[in-house]
Amino acid sequence: LVASSAGMTARSYARILGANDRIRLGQLGCGAEGGTHIDMVHLGSKHTPVETVAVCDLWSLAREQRAAQVKKLFNLEPQQYQYPEQLLSRKDLDGVMIATADFQHAKLCAQVVRAGKDCYVEKPFANVLEDAKEGRAAVKASKQVVQVGTQYRSEPYHIAVRDIIR
């Protein structure tokens, strides 16, 4: 190790991918859509250093199923949480993907960005205007990146249907 690292410059060390260079995500909501999120992260991990490291759901069965999926896809044991506050207290998370019940999306997004994490949140963003306004205000007051789920709109078959209709 000493011989091989002796020729390394500070610039070469900067190219070594370490734990701090990985995007670490938590999954909030572990139903079927949460499983799709984990699949999306795994697909992305082939090109970007990203991994799901934690799962959170009130329902232990769903939580355990997603944890097993993470273990299989990422070869790591994710931390499991019952409550969002537990997940959000982690300092090592870069972002959170939300796939809970629709009425929870905006409120949870607000919690996520207030905790200093980037957020991917499923649509619809809110069912109640007051929740939408609260979520929007929290996002605007933060420096976090937030995306509302529109992944299906950019898939090839939707674009093909659009082109046929046009």
N, C-alpha and C. Protein backbone atom coordinates (compact mmCIF):
# COMPACT_ATOMS: atom_id res chain seq x y z
N LEU A 1 0.83 -1.20 0.00
CA LEU A 1 0.00 0.00 0.00
C LEU A 1 0.86 1.25 0.00
N VAL A 2 1.92 1.24 0.80
CA VAL A 2 2.80 2.41 0.87
C VAL A 2 3.44 2.66 -0.48
N ALA A 3 3.91 1.60 -1.13
CA ALA A 3 4.58 1.75 -2.43
C ALA A 3 3.61 2.30 -3.46
N SER A 4 2.40 1.80 -3.48
CA SER A 4 1.44 2.25 -4.50
C SER A 4 0.94 3.66 -4.21
N SER A 5 0.86 4.05 -2.96
CA SER A 5 0.36 5.38 -2.65
C SER A 5 1.46 6.43 -2.68
N ALA A 6 2.72 5.99 -2.69
CA ALA A 6 3.82 6.96 -2.68
C ALA A 6 3.81 7.84 -3.91
N GLY A 7 3.36 7.29 -5.05
CA GLY A 7 3.33 8.07 -6.27
C GLY A 7 2.07 8.90 -6.43
N MET A 8 1.18 8.85 -5.47
CA MET A 8 -0.08 9.58 -5.58
C MET A 8 0.10 11.01 -5.11
N THR A 9 -0.43 11.92 -5.87
CA THR A 9 -0.40 13.33 -5.49
C THR A 9 -1.69 13.69 -4.79
N ALA A 10 -1.74 14.88 -4.24
CA ALA A 10 -2.97 15.35 -3.60
C ALA A 10 -4.10 15.37 -4.63
N ARG A 11 -3.78 15.69 -5.87
CA ARG A 11 -4.79 15.71 -6.92
C ARG A 11 -5.36 14.31 -7.16
N SER A 12 -4.51 13.27 -7.13
CA SER A 12 -5.03 11.92 -7.32
C SER A 12 -5.91 11.48 -6.16
N TYR A 13 -5.57 11.91 -4.95
CA TYR A 13 -6.42 11.57 -3.81
C TYR A 13 -7.82 12.15 -3.99
N ALA A 14 -7.93 13.29 -4.61
CA ALA A 14 -9.22 13.93 -4.81
C ALA A 14 -10.12 13.11 -5.72
N ARG A 15 -9.55 12.22 -6.53
CA ARG A 15 -10.35 11.40 -7.44
C ARG A 15 -10.82 10.10 -6.79
N ILE A 16 -10.38 9.80 -5.59
CA ILE A 16 -10.79 8.58 -4.90
C ILE A 16 -12.19 8.79 -4.35
N LEU A 17 -13.06 7.87 -4.69
CA LEU A 17 -14.44 7.97 -4.24
C LEU A 17 -14.54 7.42 -2.82
N GLY A 18 -14.87 8.27 -1.88
CA GLY A 18 -14.98 7.85 -0.49
C GLY A 18 -16.42 7.92 -0.01
N ALA A 19 -16.62 7.57 1.23
CA ALA A 19 -17.96 7.56 1.80
C ALA A 19 -18.60 8.94 1.74
N ASN A 20 -17.82 9.99 1.88
CA ASN A 20 -18.36 11.35 1.85
C ASN A 20 -18.75 11.79 0.44
N ASP A 21 -18.34 11.04 -0.58
CA ASP A 21 -18.66 11.38 -1.95
C ASP A 21 -19.95 10.71 -2.42
N ARG A 22 -20.51 9.87 -1.60
CA ARG A 22 -21.74 9.17 -1.96
C ARG A 22 -22.94 10.00 -1.54
N ILE A 23 -23.96 9.95 -2.36
CA ILE A 23 -25.24 10.58 -2.00
C ILE A 23 -26.01 9.54 -1.20
N ARG A 24 -26.33 9.89 0.03
CA ARG A 24 -26.99 8.95 0.94
C ARG A 24 -28.44 9.38 1.13
N LEU A 25 -29.36 8.47 0.77
CA LEU A 25 -30.78 8.78 0.79
C LEU A 25 -31.53 7.95 1.82
N GLY A 26 -32.61 8.56 2.32
CA GLY A 26 -33.55 7.85 3.16
C GLY A 26 -34.87 7.72 2.40
N GLN A 27 -35.55 6.61 2.61
CA GLN A 27 -36.86 6.39 1.99
C GLN A 27 -37.93 6.54 3.05
N LEU A 28 -38.81 7.50 2.85
CA LEU A 28 -39.90 7.78 3.79
C LEU A 28 -41.20 7.32 3.14
N GLY A 29 -41.75 6.24 3.65
CA GLY A 29 -42.90 5.58 3.04
C GLY A 29 -42.41 4.36 2.31
N CYS A 30 -42.79 3.19 2.78
CA CYS A 30 -42.20 1.94 2.29
C CYS A 30 -43.18 1.01 1.60
N GLY A 31 -44.28 1.57 1.09
CA GLY A 31 -45.21 0.76 0.32
C GLY A 31 -44.66 0.47 -1.06
N ALA A 32 -45.56 0.15 -1.99
CA ALA A 32 -45.14 -0.21 -3.34
C ALA A 32 -44.38 0.92 -4.02
N GLU A 33 -44.84 2.15 -3.88
CA GLU A 33 -44.15 3.27 -4.52
C GLU A 33 -42.77 3.49 -3.91
N GLY A 34 -42.64 3.26 -2.62
CA GLY A 34 -41.33 3.33 -1.98
C GLY A 34 -40.37 2.31 -2.58
N GLY A 35 -40.89 1.14 -2.92
CA GLY A 35 -40.07 0.13 -3.59
C GLY A 35 -39.61 0.60 -4.96
N THR A 36 -40.49 1.29 -5.67
CA THR A 36 -40.13 1.86 -6.97
C THR A 36 -39.03 2.89 -6.80
N HIS A 37 -39.12 3.70 -5.76
CA HIS A 37 -38.06 4.69 -5.49
C HIS A 37 -36.72 4.00 -5.29
N ILE A 38 -36.71 2.95 -4.50
CA ILE A 38 -35.46 2.24 -4.23
C ILE A 38 -34.91 1.65 -5.53
N ASP A 39 -35.79 1.13 -6.38
CA ASP A 39 -35.35 0.63 -7.69
C ASP A 39 -34.75 1.77 -8.52
N MET A 40 -35.37 2.96 -8.49
CA MET A 40 -34.84 4.11 -9.24
C MET A 40 -33.45 4.49 -8.74
N VAL A 41 -33.28 4.49 -7.42
CA VAL A 41 -31.98 4.83 -6.85
C VAL A 41 -30.94 3.80 -7.28
N HIS A 42 -31.32 2.54 -7.24
CA HIS A 42 -30.39 1.48 -7.65
C HIS A 42 -30.00 1.65 -9.11
N LEU A 43 -30.96 1.93 -9.95
CA LEU A 43 -30.67 2.17 -11.37
C LEU A 43 -29.71 3.35 -11.52
N GLY A 44 -29.97 4.42 -10.78
CA GLY A 44 -29.11 5.60 -10.83
C GLY A 44 -27.71 5.34 -10.31
N SER A 45 -27.60 4.37 -9.40
CA SER A 45 -26.29 4.09 -8.79
C SER A 45 -25.29 3.52 -9.78
N LYS A 46 -25.77 3.10 -10.92
CA LYS A 46 -24.86 2.58 -11.95
C LYS A 46 -24.07 3.71 -12.61
N HIS A 47 -24.56 4.95 -12.46
CA HIS A 47 -23.91 6.10 -13.08
C HIS A 47 -23.50 7.18 -12.08
N THR A 48 -24.11 7.15 -10.91
CA THR A 48 -23.87 8.18 -9.89
C THR A 48 -23.68 7.48 -8.56
N PRO A 49 -22.74 7.92 -7.73
CA PRO A 49 -22.54 7.28 -6.43
C PRO A 49 -23.67 7.62 -5.45
N VAL A 50 -24.74 6.87 -5.52
CA VAL A 50 -25.92 7.11 -4.69
C VAL A 50 -26.39 5.78 -4.10
N GLU A 51 -26.92 5.84 -2.89
CA GLU A 51 -27.43 4.64 -2.24
C GLU A 51 -28.52 5.00 -1.25
N THR A 52 -29.44 4.08 -1.05
CA THR A 52 -30.46 4.22 -0.02
C THR A 52 -29.89 3.57 1.25
N VAL A 53 -29.83 4.34 2.33
CA VAL A 53 -29.20 3.84 3.55
C VAL A 53 -30.17 3.73 4.73
N ALA A 54 -31.42 4.22 4.54
CA ALA A 54 -32.38 4.18 5.65
C ALA A 54 -33.79 4.11 5.08
N VAL A 55 -34.66 3.42 5.79
CA VAL A 55 -36.07 3.32 5.41
C VAL A 55 -36.93 3.67 6.62
N CYS A 56 -38.09 4.27 6.35
CA CYS A 56 -38.96 4.71 7.44
C CYS A 56 -40.42 4.50 7.07
N ASP A 57 -41.14 3.83 7.94
CA ASP A 57 -42.57 3.63 7.76
C ASP A 57 -43.18 3.23 9.10
N LEU A 58 -44.40 3.67 9.33
CA LEU A 58 -45.10 3.27 10.55
C LEU A 58 -45.33 1.76 10.59
N TRP A 59 -45.61 1.18 9.44
CA TRP A 59 -45.95 -0.24 9.36
C TRP A 59 -44.68 -1.08 9.27
N SER A 60 -44.45 -1.89 10.28
CA SER A 60 -43.20 -2.65 10.36
C SER A 60 -43.03 -3.61 9.19
N LEU A 61 -44.11 -4.21 8.71
CA LEU A 61 -43.99 -5.15 7.60
C LEU A 61 -43.47 -4.46 6.33
N ALA A 62 -44.03 -3.30 6.01
CA ALA A 62 -43.58 -2.55 4.83
C ALA A 62 -42.13 -2.12 5.02
N ARG A 63 -41.80 -1.66 6.20
CA ARG A 63 -40.44 -1.21 6.51
C ARG A 63 -39.45 -2.35 6.33
N GLU A 64 -39.78 -3.52 6.83
CA GLU A 64 -38.90 -4.68 6.73
C GLU A 64 -38.75 -5.14 5.27
N GLN A 65 -39.83 -5.05 4.49
CA GLN A 65 -39.74 -5.43 3.07
C GLN A 65 -38.80 -4.50 2.32
N ARG A 66 -38.88 -3.20 2.58
CA ARG A 66 -38.00 -2.25 1.90
C ARG A 66 -36.56 -2.43 2.38
N ALA A 67 -36.37 -2.72 3.65
CA ALA A 67 -35.01 -2.95 4.16
C ALA A 67 -34.40 -4.16 3.46
N ALA A 68 -35.19 -5.21 3.25
CA ALA A 68 -34.70 -6.40 2.55
C ALA A 68 -34.35 -6.06 1.10
N GLN A 69 -35.15 -5.23 0.47
CA GLN A 69 -34.89 -4.80 -0.90
C GLN A 69 -33.57 -4.01 -0.97
N VAL A 70 -33.37 -3.10 -0.03
CA VAL A 70 -32.12 -2.32 0.01
C VAL A 70 -30.93 -3.24 0.20
N LYS A 71 -31.06 -4.19 1.11
CA LYS A 71 -29.96 -5.13 1.37
C LYS A 71 -29.60 -5.90 0.11
N LYS A 72 -30.61 -6.34 -0.61
CA LYS A 72 -30.39 -7.11 -1.84
C LYS A 72 -29.75 -6.25 -2.93
N LEU A 73 -30.25 -5.04 -3.12
CA LEU A 73 -29.77 -4.20 -4.22
C LEU A 73 -28.46 -3.49 -3.94
N PHE A 74 -28.26 -3.05 -2.69
CA PHE A 74 -27.08 -2.24 -2.36
C PHE A 74 -26.06 -2.98 -1.50
N ASN A 75 -26.42 -4.20 -1.09
CA ASN A 75 -25.53 -4.99 -0.24
C ASN A 75 -25.16 -4.24 1.03
N LEU A 76 -26.15 -3.59 1.63
CA LEU A 76 -25.94 -2.93 2.91
C LEU A 76 -27.21 -3.04 3.74
N GLU A 77 -27.02 -3.03 5.03
CA GLU A 77 -28.13 -3.14 5.98
C GLU A 77 -28.63 -1.73 6.29
N PRO A 78 -29.79 -1.33 5.76
CA PRO A 78 -30.26 0.03 6.03
C PRO A 78 -30.78 0.17 7.45
N GLN A 79 -30.65 1.34 7.99
CA GLN A 79 -31.23 1.64 9.29
C GLN A 79 -32.74 1.74 9.09
N GLN A 80 -33.51 1.21 10.03
CA GLN A 80 -34.97 1.25 9.93
C GLN A 80 -35.54 2.17 11.00
N TYR A 81 -36.51 2.99 10.60
CA TYR A 81 -37.14 3.94 11.52
C TYR A 81 -38.66 3.83 11.39
N GLN A 82 -39.32 4.05 12.51
CA GLN A 82 -40.78 4.04 12.53
C GLN A 82 -41.34 5.43 12.25
N TYR A 83 -40.65 6.47 12.71
CA TYR A 83 -41.16 7.83 12.63
C TYR A 83 -40.24 8.74 11.82
N PRO A 84 -40.81 9.66 11.03
CA PRO A 84 -40.01 10.57 10.22
C PRO A 84 -38.98 11.36 11.02
N GLU A 85 -39.33 11.78 12.22
CA GLU A 85 -38.41 12.58 13.03
C GLU A 85 -37.12 11.80 13.32
N GLN A 86 -37.24 10.49 13.49
CA GLN A 86 -36.06 9.66 13.73
C GLN A 86 -35.16 9.65 12.49
N LEU A 87 -35.76 9.45 11.35
CA LEU A 87 -35.01 9.44 10.09
C LEU A 87 -34.33 10.79 9.86
N LEU A 88 -35.08 11.86 10.05
CA LEU A 88 -34.58 13.20 9.75
C LEU A 88 -33.50 13.68 10.73
N SER A 89 -33.38 13.02 11.86
CA SER A 89 -32.35 13.42 12.82
C SER A 89 -30.95 12.96 12.38
N ARG A 90 -30.88 12.11 11.37
CA ARG A 90 -29.59 11.64 10.87
C ARG A 90 -28.84 12.76 10.18
N LYS A 91 -27.62 12.99 10.60
CA LYS A 91 -26.80 14.05 10.01
C LYS A 91 -26.17 13.61 8.70
N ASP A 92 -26.08 12.30 8.46
CA ASP A 92 -25.38 11.80 7.27
C ASP A 92 -26.27 11.62 6.05
N LEU A 93 -27.55 11.96 6.15
CA LEU A 93 -28.44 11.84 5.00
C LEU A 93 -28.37 13.10 4.15
N ASP A 94 -28.26 12.92 2.85
CA ASP A 94 -28.26 14.05 1.92
C ASP A 94 -29.67 14.38 1.45
N GLY A 95 -30.48 13.36 1.32
CA GLY A 95 -31.83 13.58 0.80
C GLY A 95 -32.79 12.50 1.26
N VAL A 96 -34.07 12.80 1.04
CA VAL A 96 -35.14 11.88 1.42
C VAL A 96 -36.11 11.79 0.26
N MET A 97 -36.55 10.57 -0.01
CA MET A 97 -37.58 10.35 -1.02
C MET A 97 -38.88 10.01 -0.29
N ILE A 98 -39.94 10.75 -0.62
CA ILE A 98 -41.23 10.60 0.07
C ILE A 98 -42.22 9.86 -0.81
N ALA A 99 -42.75 8.76 -0.28
CA ALA A 99 -43.78 7.98 -0.98
C ALA A 99 -44.81 7.52 0.04
N THR A 100 -45.39 8.47 0.72
CA THR A 100 -46.41 8.17 1.74
C THR A 100 -47.79 8.43 1.13
N ALA A 101 -48.80 8.46 1.97
CA ALA A 101 -50.15 8.79 1.50
C ALA A 101 -50.16 10.23 0.99
N ASP A 102 -50.96 10.49 -0.05
CA ASP A 102 -50.99 11.80 -0.70
C ASP A 102 -51.14 12.96 0.28
N PHE A 103 -52.00 12.82 1.27
CA PHE A 103 -52.28 13.94 2.17
C PHE A 103 -51.09 14.31 3.06
N GLN A 104 -50.07 13.46 3.07
CA GLN A 104 -48.90 13.71 3.91
C GLN A 104 -47.75 14.38 3.16
N HIS A 105 -47.78 14.38 1.84
CA HIS A 105 -46.63 14.80 1.04
C HIS A 105 -46.09 16.18 1.40
N ALA A 106 -46.94 17.20 1.36
CA ALA A 106 -46.47 18.58 1.57
C ALA A 106 -45.93 18.77 2.99
N LYS A 107 -46.63 18.25 3.97
CA LYS A 107 -46.18 18.42 5.36
C LYS A 107 -44.84 17.73 5.59
N LEU A 108 -44.69 16.53 5.05
CA LEU A 108 -43.43 15.82 5.21
C LEU A 108 -42.31 16.49 4.43
N CYS A 109 -42.61 17.01 3.25
CA CYS A 109 -41.61 17.74 2.48
C CYS A 109 -41.10 18.93 3.29
N ALA A 110 -42.02 19.65 3.92
CA ALA A 110 -41.62 20.78 4.76
C ALA A 110 -40.69 20.32 5.89
N GLN A 111 -41.01 19.20 6.52
CA GLN A 111 -40.15 18.66 7.58
C GLN A 111 -38.77 18.30 7.04
N VAL A 112 -38.75 17.69 5.87
CA VAL A 112 -37.49 17.24 5.28
C VAL A 112 -36.58 18.44 5.00
N VAL A 113 -37.11 19.47 4.35
CA VAL A 113 -36.24 20.62 4.02
C VAL A 113 -35.85 21.40 5.27
N ARG A 114 -36.73 21.45 6.25
CA ARG A 114 -36.37 22.13 7.51
C ARG A 114 -35.25 21.37 8.24
N ALA A 115 -35.16 20.07 7.96
CA ALA A 115 -34.08 19.25 8.55
C ALA A 115 -32.80 19.36 7.73
N GLY A 116 -32.82 20.18 6.67
CA GLY A 116 -31.62 20.40 5.87
C GLY A 116 -31.33 19.32 4.85
N LYS A 117 -32.35 18.61 4.41
CA LYS A 117 -32.17 17.53 3.44
C LYS A 117 -32.86 17.90 2.12
N ASP A 118 -32.28 17.47 1.01
CA ASP A 118 -32.94 17.61 -0.28
C ASP A 118 -34.09 16.61 -0.31
N CYS A 119 -35.03 16.82 -1.24
CA CYS A 119 -36.26 16.03 -1.18
C CYS A 119 -36.81 15.71 -2.57
N TYR A 120 -37.19 14.47 -2.74
CA TYR A 120 -37.99 14.04 -3.88
C TYR A 120 -39.32 13.63 -3.27
N VAL A 121 -40.39 14.25 -3.73
CA VAL A 121 -41.70 13.98 -3.14
C VAL A 121 -42.68 13.60 -4.24
N GLU A 122 -43.47 12.57 -3.96
CA GLU A 122 -44.45 12.11 -4.93
C GLU A 122 -45.54 13.14 -5.14
N LYS A 123 -46.21 13.03 -6.27
CA LYS A 123 -47.37 13.85 -6.57
C LYS A 123 -48.61 13.13 -6.08
N PRO A 124 -49.69 13.75 -5.80
CA PRO A 124 -49.82 15.20 -5.76
C PRO A 124 -49.07 15.76 -4.56
N PHE A 125 -48.57 16.98 -4.71
CA PHE A 125 -47.82 17.60 -3.63
C PHE A 125 -48.70 17.81 -2.41
N ALA A 126 -49.94 18.20 -2.63
CA ALA A 126 -50.85 18.45 -1.50
C ALA A 126 -52.29 18.25 -1.95
N ASN A 127 -53.14 17.94 -1.00
CA ASN A 127 -54.58 17.83 -1.23
C ASN A 127 -55.33 19.04 -0.68
N VAL A 128 -54.65 19.80 0.17
CA VAL A 128 -55.25 20.96 0.83
C VAL A 128 -54.35 22.17 0.55
N LEU A 129 -54.95 23.27 0.14
CA LEU A 129 -54.18 24.45 -0.23
C LEU A 129 -53.28 24.93 0.91
N GLU A 130 -53.77 24.89 2.14
CA GLU A 130 -52.97 25.33 3.29
C GLU A 130 -51.68 24.51 3.41
N ASP A 131 -51.78 23.18 3.19
CA ASP A 131 -50.59 22.33 3.25
C ASP A 131 -49.62 22.67 2.12
N ALA A 132 -50.17 22.93 0.94
CA ALA A 132 -49.32 23.30 -0.21
C ALA A 132 -48.57 24.59 0.08
N LYS A 133 -49.25 25.56 0.66
CA LYS A 133 -48.61 26.84 0.98
C LYS A 133 -47.52 26.66 2.03
N GLU A 134 -47.80 25.84 3.03
CA GLU A 134 -46.79 25.58 4.08
C GLU A 134 -45.57 24.91 3.48
N GLY A 135 -45.79 23.91 2.65
CA GLY A 135 -44.68 23.20 2.02
C GLY A 135 -43.87 24.11 1.12
N ARG A 136 -44.57 24.92 0.32
CA ARG A 136 -43.88 25.86 -0.58
C ARG A 136 -43.06 26.87 0.20
N ALA A 137 -43.62 27.40 1.28
CA ALA A 137 -42.90 28.38 2.09
C ALA A 137 -41.64 27.76 2.69
N ALA A 138 -41.75 26.53 3.17
CA ALA A 138 -40.58 25.86 3.75
C ALA A 138 -39.49 25.66 2.70
N VAL A 139 -39.89 25.27 1.50
CA VAL A 139 -38.93 25.05 0.42
C VAL A 139 -38.26 26.36 0.03
N LYS A 140 -39.07 27.41 -0.13
CA LYS A 140 -38.51 28.71 -0.54
C LYS A 140 -37.57 29.29 0.52
N ALA A 141 -37.83 28.98 1.79
CA ALA A 141 -36.99 29.49 2.88
C ALA A 141 -35.71 28.67 3.04
N SER A 142 -35.61 27.56 2.33
CA SER A 142 -34.45 26.69 2.48
C SER A 142 -33.52 26.84 1.28
N LYS A 143 -32.41 26.14 1.37
CA LYS A 143 -31.48 26.07 0.25
C LYS A 143 -31.54 24.68 -0.39
N GLN A 144 -32.55 23.93 -0.02
CA GLN A 144 -32.64 22.54 -0.45
C GLN A 144 -33.18 22.42 -1.87
N VAL A 145 -32.80 21.33 -2.52
CA VAL A 145 -33.33 20.98 -3.83
C VAL A 145 -34.53 20.09 -3.61
N VAL A 146 -35.64 20.44 -4.27
CA VAL A 146 -36.87 19.66 -4.13
C VAL A 146 -37.42 19.37 -5.52
N GLN A 147 -37.81 18.14 -5.74
CA GLN A 147 -38.47 17.76 -6.99
C GLN A 147 -39.76 17.05 -6.64
N VAL A 148 -40.83 17.47 -7.30
CA VAL A 148 -42.11 16.79 -7.17
C VAL A 148 -42.16 15.75 -8.27
N GLY A 149 -42.54 14.53 -7.90
CA GLY A 149 -42.47 13.39 -8.82
C GLY A 149 -43.21 13.56 -10.12
N THR A 150 -42.45 13.61 -11.17
CA THR A 150 -43.02 13.65 -12.52
C THR A 150 -42.27 12.65 -13.40
N GLN A 151 -41.66 11.64 -12.79
CA GLN A 151 -40.81 10.72 -13.53
C GLN A 151 -41.54 10.06 -14.70
N TYR A 152 -42.78 9.71 -14.54
CA TYR A 152 -43.49 9.01 -15.61
C TYR A 152 -43.72 9.90 -16.82
N ARG A 153 -43.81 11.19 -16.62
CA ARG A 153 -44.04 12.10 -17.74
C ARG A 153 -42.85 12.17 -18.69
N SER A 154 -41.68 11.77 -18.22
CA SER A 154 -40.50 11.83 -19.08
C SER A 154 -40.10 10.46 -19.63
N GLU A 155 -40.90 9.44 -19.35
CA GLU A 155 -40.58 8.12 -19.88
C GLU A 155 -40.92 8.05 -21.37
N PRO A 156 -40.21 7.24 -22.12
CA PRO A 156 -40.36 7.21 -23.58
C PRO A 156 -41.78 6.95 -24.08
N TYR A 157 -42.54 6.06 -23.42
CA TYR A 157 -43.86 5.75 -23.96
C TYR A 157 -44.82 6.91 -23.80
N HIS A 158 -44.68 7.72 -22.75
CA HIS A 158 -45.53 8.91 -22.61
C HIS A 158 -45.20 9.94 -23.69
N ILE A 159 -43.93 10.09 -23.96
CA ILE A 159 -43.51 11.03 -25.00
C ILE A 159 -43.99 10.55 -26.37
N ALA A 160 -43.93 9.23 -26.60
CA ALA A 160 -44.41 8.67 -27.87
C ALA A 160 -45.90 8.91 -28.04
N VAL A 161 -46.68 8.70 -26.96
CA VAL A 161 -48.13 8.95 -27.02
C VAL A 161 -48.39 10.43 -27.31
N ARG A 162 -47.66 11.30 -26.64
CA ARG A 162 -47.81 12.73 -26.88
C ARG A 162 -47.56 13.05 -28.35
N ASP A 163 -46.50 12.47 -28.92
CA ASP A 163 -46.14 12.73 -30.31
C ASP A 163 -47.22 12.19 -31.26
N ILE A 164 -47.79 11.05 -30.94
CA ILE A 164 -48.86 10.47 -31.78
C ILE A 164 -50.07 11.40 -31.77
N ILE A 165 -50.42 11.89 -30.57
CA ILE A 165 -51.58 12.78 -30.44
C ILE A 165 -51.34 14.08 -31.21
N ARG A 166 -50.14 14.59 -31.13
CA ARG A 166 -49.82 15.83 -31.85
C ARG A 166 -49.97 15.62 -33.34
